[in-house]
Amino acid sequence: MPEESTTPDLVELTRRTYEAANRRDWDTVMGFFARNAVWDVPELQAFEGRAPIRRLLEDWVGAYDDVEIEVEHVLDLGGGVGFVVACLQGRLAESSARLRVRYGAVYTWADDLIVRVTSQPDIDEARAAAERLAQERG
């Protein structure tokens, strides 16, 4: 029998995180993260800790006057590893330009908290990384 995820209902927890982000409820969003969590944006920077992650998310979403993050897929790959395909769409602040960014993200959970997120525009690469990580942790 395959080992079950150590995180109860990882898919639902992940969806709730995105729902809170769409409401700009940063206190709730940060409640899903471990104190020493890391949000890694390859080829840019890794943000370590709740305060830097919060600033990253507030700045990212704050660059838009009208924005929504749509979750297309959330998969629980086991071992506390989740994979998300999401699409951020919105109008850039003080502009008429609209932007659509589709990306993949690997979420690592422990004790019902996010301990690491790695997000990138190459969805296939993100999924392969998530599957490798789940296999290592499983």
N, C-alpha and C. Protein backbone atom coordinates (compact mmCIF):
# COMPACT_ATOMS: atom_id res chain seq x y z
N MET A 1 0.85 -1.18 0.00
CA MET A 1 0.00 0.00 0.00
C MET A 1 0.89 1.24 0.00
N PRO A 2 0.68 2.20 -0.92
CA PRO A 2 1.54 3.39 -0.98
C PRO A 2 1.39 4.24 0.28
N GLU A 3 2.51 4.85 0.64
CA GLU A 3 2.50 5.73 1.80
C GLU A 3 1.70 6.98 1.49
N GLU A 4 0.83 7.37 2.42
CA GLU A 4 0.00 8.55 2.22
C GLU A 4 0.77 9.80 2.59
N SER A 5 0.34 10.93 2.04
CA SER A 5 0.95 12.22 2.36
C SER A 5 0.86 12.49 3.84
N THR A 6 1.93 13.08 4.40
CA THR A 6 1.92 13.44 5.82
C THR A 6 1.08 14.69 6.06
N THR A 7 0.69 15.38 5.01
CA THR A 7 -0.11 16.59 5.14
C THR A 7 -1.56 16.26 4.80
N PRO A 8 -2.48 16.43 5.75
CA PRO A 8 -3.89 16.14 5.44
C PRO A 8 -4.43 17.10 4.40
N ASP A 9 -5.04 16.55 3.38
CA ASP A 9 -5.70 17.31 2.33
C ASP A 9 -4.85 18.46 1.80
N LEU A 10 -3.68 18.12 1.34
CA LEU A 10 -2.74 19.09 0.78
C LEU A 10 -3.36 19.91 -0.35
N VAL A 11 -4.18 19.30 -1.17
CA VAL A 11 -4.82 20.01 -2.28
C VAL A 11 -5.72 21.12 -1.75
N GLU A 12 -6.54 20.81 -0.75
CA GLU A 12 -7.44 21.82 -0.19
C GLU A 12 -6.65 22.94 0.50
N LEU A 13 -5.62 22.59 1.24
CA LEU A 13 -4.79 23.61 1.90
C LEU A 13 -4.16 24.55 0.87
N THR A 14 -3.70 23.98 -0.24
CA THR A 14 -3.08 24.79 -1.29
C THR A 14 -4.11 25.73 -1.92
N ARG A 15 -5.29 25.21 -2.20
CA ARG A 15 -6.34 26.06 -2.78
C ARG A 15 -6.72 27.20 -1.83
N ARG A 16 -6.78 26.90 -0.53
CA ARG A 16 -7.10 27.95 0.44
C ARG A 16 -6.02 29.04 0.45
N THR A 17 -4.79 28.65 0.27
CA THR A 17 -3.69 29.63 0.21
C THR A 17 -3.92 30.60 -0.95
N TYR A 18 -4.25 30.07 -2.13
CA TYR A 18 -4.49 30.92 -3.29
C TYR A 18 -5.75 31.76 -3.12
N GLU A 19 -6.79 31.21 -2.51
CA GLU A 19 -8.01 31.99 -2.27
C GLU A 19 -7.71 33.19 -1.38
N ALA A 20 -6.92 32.98 -0.34
CA ALA A 20 -6.54 34.09 0.55
C ALA A 20 -5.71 35.12 -0.20
N ALA A 21 -4.82 34.67 -1.07
CA ALA A 21 -4.00 35.60 -1.86
C ALA A 21 -4.88 36.44 -2.79
N ASN A 22 -5.88 35.83 -3.39
CA ASN A 22 -6.79 36.58 -4.26
C ASN A 22 -7.60 37.62 -3.48
N ARG A 23 -7.82 37.38 -2.19
CA ARG A 23 -8.52 38.35 -1.34
C ARG A 23 -7.55 39.40 -0.78
N ARG A 24 -6.26 39.20 -1.03
CA ARG A 24 -5.19 40.06 -0.46
C ARG A 24 -5.18 39.95 1.06
N ASP A 25 -5.53 38.78 1.56
CA ASP A 25 -5.54 38.51 3.00
C ASP A 25 -4.18 37.91 3.37
N TRP A 26 -3.19 38.78 3.46
CA TRP A 26 -1.81 38.33 3.63
C TRP A 26 -1.58 37.67 4.99
N ASP A 27 -2.30 38.06 6.00
CA ASP A 27 -2.15 37.40 7.30
C ASP A 27 -2.54 35.93 7.19
N THR A 28 -3.65 35.66 6.52
CA THR A 28 -4.07 34.27 6.32
C THR A 28 -3.08 33.53 5.45
N VAL A 29 -2.63 34.16 4.36
CA VAL A 29 -1.64 33.51 3.49
C VAL A 29 -0.42 33.11 4.29
N MET A 30 0.11 34.03 5.08
CA MET A 30 1.33 33.75 5.82
C MET A 30 1.12 32.69 6.89
N GLY A 31 -0.12 32.51 7.35
CA GLY A 31 -0.42 31.47 8.31
C GLY A 31 -0.23 30.07 7.75
N PHE A 32 -0.16 29.93 6.43
CA PHE A 32 0.08 28.64 5.79
C PHE A 32 1.58 28.32 5.70
N PHE A 33 2.43 29.30 6.01
CA PHE A 33 3.88 29.13 5.85
C PHE A 33 4.57 28.89 7.18
N ALA A 34 5.56 28.00 7.17
CA ALA A 34 6.42 27.81 8.34
C ALA A 34 7.24 29.09 8.54
N ARG A 35 7.67 29.32 9.77
CA ARG A 35 8.45 30.53 10.08
C ARG A 35 9.68 30.67 9.20
N ASN A 36 10.36 29.58 8.93
CA ASN A 36 11.60 29.63 8.15
C ASN A 36 11.40 29.16 6.71
N ALA A 37 10.18 29.27 6.19
CA ALA A 37 9.88 28.83 4.83
C ALA A 37 10.73 29.60 3.81
N VAL A 38 10.87 29.01 2.64
CA VAL A 38 11.63 29.62 1.55
C VAL A 38 10.74 29.64 0.31
N TRP A 39 10.73 30.78 -0.39
CA TRP A 39 10.08 30.88 -1.70
C TRP A 39 11.20 31.14 -2.69
N ASP A 40 11.45 30.17 -3.55
CA ASP A 40 12.57 30.23 -4.49
C ASP A 40 12.04 30.55 -5.89
N VAL A 41 12.60 31.60 -6.46
CA VAL A 41 12.32 31.95 -7.85
C VAL A 41 13.64 31.76 -8.60
N PRO A 42 13.81 30.59 -9.24
CA PRO A 42 15.09 30.31 -9.91
C PRO A 42 15.50 31.45 -10.83
N GLU A 43 16.79 31.68 -10.86
CA GLU A 43 17.41 32.74 -11.66
C GLU A 43 17.01 34.13 -11.21
N LEU A 44 16.38 34.24 -10.05
CA LEU A 44 16.07 35.56 -9.48
C LEU A 44 16.60 35.61 -8.07
N GLN A 45 15.92 34.93 -7.16
CA GLN A 45 16.29 35.03 -5.76
C GLN A 45 15.48 34.04 -4.94
N ALA A 46 16.01 33.68 -3.78
CA ALA A 46 15.25 32.89 -2.80
C ALA A 46 14.90 33.83 -1.66
N PHE A 47 13.66 33.79 -1.24
CA PHE A 47 13.16 34.62 -0.15
C PHE A 47 12.95 33.71 1.05
N GLU A 48 13.67 33.97 2.14
CA GLU A 48 13.62 33.09 3.30
C GLU A 48 12.95 33.78 4.48
N GLY A 49 11.93 33.12 5.03
CA GLY A 49 11.20 33.64 6.17
C GLY A 49 9.87 34.26 5.75
N ARG A 50 8.95 34.32 6.71
CA ARG A 50 7.61 34.84 6.40
C ARG A 50 7.62 36.28 5.93
N ALA A 51 8.38 37.15 6.59
CA ALA A 51 8.35 38.58 6.22
C ALA A 51 8.85 38.80 4.79
N PRO A 52 9.99 38.24 4.38
CA PRO A 52 10.41 38.42 2.99
C PRO A 52 9.44 37.80 1.98
N ILE A 53 8.85 36.64 2.32
CA ILE A 53 7.88 36.03 1.41
C ILE A 53 6.66 36.92 1.29
N ARG A 54 6.21 37.46 2.39
CA ARG A 54 5.05 38.36 2.35
C ARG A 54 5.34 39.57 1.47
N ARG A 55 6.52 40.18 1.64
CA ARG A 55 6.88 41.34 0.80
C ARG A 55 6.91 40.95 -0.67
N LEU A 56 7.46 39.77 -0.98
CA LEU A 56 7.49 39.29 -2.37
C LEU A 56 6.08 39.23 -2.93
N LEU A 57 5.17 38.58 -2.20
CA LEU A 57 3.80 38.41 -2.70
C LEU A 57 3.05 39.73 -2.78
N GLU A 58 3.21 40.58 -1.77
CA GLU A 58 2.54 41.89 -1.80
C GLU A 58 3.06 42.73 -2.97
N ASP A 59 4.37 42.72 -3.20
CA ASP A 59 4.94 43.49 -4.32
C ASP A 59 4.50 42.93 -5.66
N TRP A 60 4.48 41.60 -5.75
CA TRP A 60 4.11 40.94 -7.01
C TRP A 60 2.65 41.27 -7.35
N VAL A 61 1.76 41.06 -6.43
CA VAL A 61 0.34 41.33 -6.66
C VAL A 61 0.09 42.84 -6.71
N GLY A 62 0.84 43.60 -5.93
CA GLY A 62 0.68 45.05 -5.88
C GLY A 62 1.07 45.77 -7.16
N ALA A 63 1.77 45.08 -8.05
CA ALA A 63 2.15 45.67 -9.33
C ALA A 63 0.95 45.79 -10.27
N TYR A 64 -0.20 45.30 -9.83
CA TYR A 64 -1.41 45.29 -10.65
C TYR A 64 -2.52 46.06 -9.94
N ASP A 65 -3.34 46.73 -10.76
CA ASP A 65 -4.54 47.36 -10.22
C ASP A 65 -5.69 46.36 -10.18
N ASP A 66 -5.66 45.42 -11.07
CA ASP A 66 -6.73 44.43 -11.18
C ASP A 66 -6.04 43.11 -11.48
N VAL A 67 -6.07 42.19 -10.52
CA VAL A 67 -5.34 40.94 -10.72
C VAL A 67 -6.09 39.78 -10.07
N GLU A 68 -5.96 38.62 -10.69
CA GLU A 68 -6.51 37.39 -10.12
C GLU A 68 -5.55 36.26 -10.45
N ILE A 69 -5.39 35.37 -9.50
CA ILE A 69 -4.57 34.18 -9.71
C ILE A 69 -5.52 33.00 -9.79
N GLU A 70 -5.58 32.39 -10.96
CA GLU A 70 -6.45 31.23 -11.16
C GLU A 70 -5.63 29.96 -11.03
N VAL A 71 -6.07 29.06 -10.18
CA VAL A 71 -5.41 27.77 -10.02
C VAL A 71 -6.01 26.81 -11.04
N GLU A 72 -5.18 26.33 -11.95
CA GLU A 72 -5.65 25.40 -12.98
C GLU A 72 -5.61 23.96 -12.49
N HIS A 73 -4.53 23.59 -11.80
CA HIS A 73 -4.35 22.22 -11.31
C HIS A 73 -3.61 22.26 -9.98
N VAL A 74 -4.01 21.40 -9.08
CA VAL A 74 -3.25 21.15 -7.86
C VAL A 74 -3.17 19.63 -7.71
N LEU A 75 -1.95 19.12 -7.60
CA LEU A 75 -1.75 17.68 -7.44
C LEU A 75 -0.99 17.42 -6.16
N ASP A 76 -1.43 16.42 -5.41
CA ASP A 76 -0.69 15.93 -4.26
C ASP A 76 0.12 14.75 -4.76
N LEU A 77 1.44 14.92 -4.80
CA LEU A 77 2.31 13.87 -5.34
C LEU A 77 2.83 12.93 -4.27
N GLY A 78 2.42 13.16 -3.02
CA GLY A 78 2.86 12.31 -1.92
C GLY A 78 4.11 12.87 -1.26
N GLY A 79 4.36 12.43 -0.06
CA GLY A 79 5.55 12.87 0.67
C GLY A 79 5.53 14.34 1.04
N GLY A 80 4.34 14.95 1.06
CA GLY A 80 4.25 16.38 1.38
C GLY A 80 4.59 17.29 0.22
N VAL A 81 4.59 16.74 -1.00
CA VAL A 81 4.93 17.53 -2.19
C VAL A 81 3.68 17.76 -3.02
N GLY A 82 3.46 19.02 -3.36
CA GLY A 82 2.34 19.39 -4.21
C GLY A 82 2.84 20.11 -5.45
N PHE A 83 2.08 19.99 -6.51
CA PHE A 83 2.41 20.68 -7.76
C PHE A 83 1.19 21.50 -8.18
N VAL A 84 1.44 22.75 -8.55
CA VAL A 84 0.38 23.68 -8.92
C VAL A 84 0.69 24.27 -10.29
N VAL A 85 -0.34 24.36 -11.12
CA VAL A 85 -0.28 25.18 -12.32
C VAL A 85 -1.26 26.32 -12.08
N ALA A 86 -0.76 27.54 -12.18
CA ALA A 86 -1.59 28.71 -11.92
C ALA A 86 -1.36 29.75 -13.01
N CYS A 87 -2.30 30.65 -13.11
CA CYS A 87 -2.22 31.72 -14.10
C CYS A 87 -2.57 33.04 -13.42
N LEU A 88 -1.63 33.96 -13.42
CA LEU A 88 -1.87 35.30 -12.90
C LEU A 88 -2.26 36.18 -14.08
N GLN A 89 -3.41 36.85 -13.95
CA GLN A 89 -3.88 37.74 -15.01
C GLN A 89 -4.28 39.06 -14.39
N GLY A 90 -3.91 40.14 -15.04
CA GLY A 90 -4.31 41.42 -14.50
C GLY A 90 -3.83 42.59 -15.32
N ARG A 91 -4.27 43.77 -14.90
CA ARG A 91 -3.88 45.02 -15.54
C ARG A 91 -2.78 45.64 -14.70
N LEU A 92 -1.68 45.93 -15.35
CA LEU A 92 -0.55 46.53 -14.65
C LEU A 92 -0.96 47.88 -14.06
N ALA A 93 -0.46 48.19 -12.88
CA ALA A 93 -0.78 49.45 -12.20
C ALA A 93 -0.46 50.64 -13.09
N GLU A 94 -1.37 51.59 -13.08
CA GLU A 94 -1.22 52.84 -13.83
C GLU A 94 -0.94 52.60 -15.31
N SER A 95 -1.59 51.59 -15.87
CA SER A 95 -1.39 51.25 -17.27
C SER A 95 -2.67 50.61 -17.81
N SER A 96 -2.78 50.59 -19.12
CA SER A 96 -3.90 49.86 -19.72
C SER A 96 -3.44 48.47 -20.17
N ALA A 97 -2.16 48.19 -19.99
CA ALA A 97 -1.60 46.89 -20.41
C ALA A 97 -2.06 45.78 -19.48
N ARG A 98 -2.49 44.70 -20.08
CA ARG A 98 -2.87 43.51 -19.31
C ARG A 98 -1.78 42.47 -19.51
N LEU A 99 -1.58 41.70 -18.46
CA LEU A 99 -0.53 40.69 -18.48
C LEU A 99 -1.12 39.36 -18.04
N ARG A 100 -0.64 38.30 -18.65
CA ARG A 100 -1.06 36.94 -18.29
C ARG A 100 0.21 36.12 -18.12
N VAL A 101 0.42 35.60 -16.92
CA VAL A 101 1.60 34.81 -16.62
C VAL A 101 1.15 33.45 -16.10
N ARG A 102 1.49 32.42 -16.82
CA ARG A 102 1.16 31.05 -16.41
C ARG A 102 2.44 30.42 -15.89
N TYR A 103 2.34 29.73 -14.75
CA TYR A 103 3.56 29.18 -14.15
C TYR A 103 3.27 27.90 -13.39
N GLY A 104 4.33 27.19 -13.10
CA GLY A 104 4.25 25.99 -12.29
C GLY A 104 4.93 26.25 -10.96
N ALA A 105 4.43 25.62 -9.92
CA ALA A 105 5.03 25.79 -8.60
C ALA A 105 5.06 24.46 -7.87
N VAL A 106 6.18 24.21 -7.21
CA VAL A 106 6.35 23.03 -6.38
C VAL A 106 6.22 23.48 -4.93
N TYR A 107 5.29 22.88 -4.21
CA TYR A 107 5.07 23.19 -2.79
C TYR A 107 5.53 22.01 -1.96
N THR A 108 6.34 22.28 -0.96
CA THR A 108 6.76 21.25 -0.01
C THR A 108 6.13 21.59 1.33
N TRP A 109 5.39 20.63 1.88
CA TRP A 109 4.66 20.80 3.13
C TRP A 109 5.25 19.90 4.21
N ALA A 110 5.22 20.39 5.45
CA ALA A 110 5.58 19.59 6.62
C ALA A 110 4.77 20.10 7.79
N ASP A 111 4.19 19.20 8.54
CA ASP A 111 3.38 19.58 9.70
C ASP A 111 2.32 20.62 9.36
N ASP A 112 1.63 20.40 8.23
CA ASP A 112 0.54 21.26 7.76
C ASP A 112 0.97 22.67 7.39
N LEU A 113 2.26 22.90 7.18
CA LEU A 113 2.76 24.22 6.79
C LEU A 113 3.64 24.10 5.55
N ILE A 114 3.62 25.15 4.74
CA ILE A 114 4.49 25.21 3.58
C ILE A 114 5.90 25.52 4.06
N VAL A 115 6.86 24.68 3.67
CA VAL A 115 8.25 24.93 4.04
C VAL A 115 9.07 25.43 2.86
N ARG A 116 8.59 25.18 1.64
CA ARG A 116 9.32 25.65 0.46
C ARG A 116 8.37 25.73 -0.74
N VAL A 117 8.54 26.77 -1.52
CA VAL A 117 7.86 26.92 -2.80
C VAL A 117 8.93 27.25 -3.83
N THR A 118 8.88 26.57 -4.94
CA THR A 118 9.73 26.92 -6.08
C THR A 118 8.80 27.15 -7.24
N SER A 119 8.81 28.37 -7.78
CA SER A 119 7.91 28.70 -8.89
C SER A 119 8.73 29.10 -10.10
N GLN A 120 8.21 28.74 -11.28
CA GLN A 120 8.91 29.07 -12.52
C GLN A 120 7.96 29.01 -13.71
N PRO A 121 8.31 29.71 -14.78
CA PRO A 121 7.43 29.73 -15.95
C PRO A 121 7.42 28.42 -16.75
N ASP A 122 8.46 27.60 -16.63
CA ASP A 122 8.51 26.34 -17.37
C ASP A 122 7.74 25.28 -16.58
N ILE A 123 6.49 25.09 -16.95
CA ILE A 123 5.59 24.20 -16.22
C ILE A 123 6.06 22.75 -16.26
N ASP A 124 6.55 22.30 -17.42
CA ASP A 124 7.02 20.91 -17.53
C ASP A 124 8.23 20.68 -16.63
N GLU A 125 9.13 21.63 -16.57
CA GLU A 125 10.30 21.52 -15.71
C GLU A 125 9.89 21.52 -14.24
N ALA A 126 8.94 22.37 -13.89
CA ALA A 126 8.46 22.42 -12.51
C ALA A 126 7.81 21.08 -12.12
N ARG A 127 7.02 20.52 -13.01
CA ARG A 127 6.37 19.24 -12.70
C ARG A 127 7.39 18.12 -12.54
N ALA A 128 8.39 18.09 -13.42
CA ALA A 128 9.44 17.07 -13.31
C ALA A 128 10.18 17.21 -11.98
N ALA A 129 10.46 18.44 -11.57
CA ALA A 129 11.13 18.67 -10.29
C ALA A 129 10.25 18.20 -9.14
N ALA A 130 8.97 18.47 -9.21
CA ALA A 130 8.03 18.05 -8.17
C ALA A 130 7.97 16.53 -8.07
N GLU A 131 7.93 15.87 -9.21
CA GLU A 131 7.87 14.39 -9.21
C GLU A 131 9.14 13.79 -8.65
N ARG A 132 10.31 14.37 -8.99
CA ARG A 132 11.58 13.88 -8.42
C ARG A 132 11.60 14.05 -6.90
N LEU A 133 11.17 15.22 -6.45
CA LEU A 133 11.17 15.51 -5.02
C LEU A 133 10.22 14.56 -4.27
N ALA A 134 9.04 14.33 -4.83
CA ALA A 134 8.09 13.42 -4.19
C ALA A 134 8.66 12.02 -4.11
N GLN A 135 9.35 11.60 -5.14
CA GLN A 135 9.97 10.26 -5.14
C GLN A 135 11.05 10.18 -4.07
N GLU A 136 11.86 11.24 -3.94
CA GLU A 136 12.91 11.27 -2.92
C GLU A 136 12.33 11.23 -1.50
N ARG A 137 11.21 11.94 -1.31
CA ARG A 137 10.61 12.05 0.03
C ARG A 137 9.70 10.87 0.36
N GLY A 138 9.26 10.16 -0.69
CA GLY A 138 8.30 9.08 -0.48
C GLY A 138 8.96 7.86 -0.01
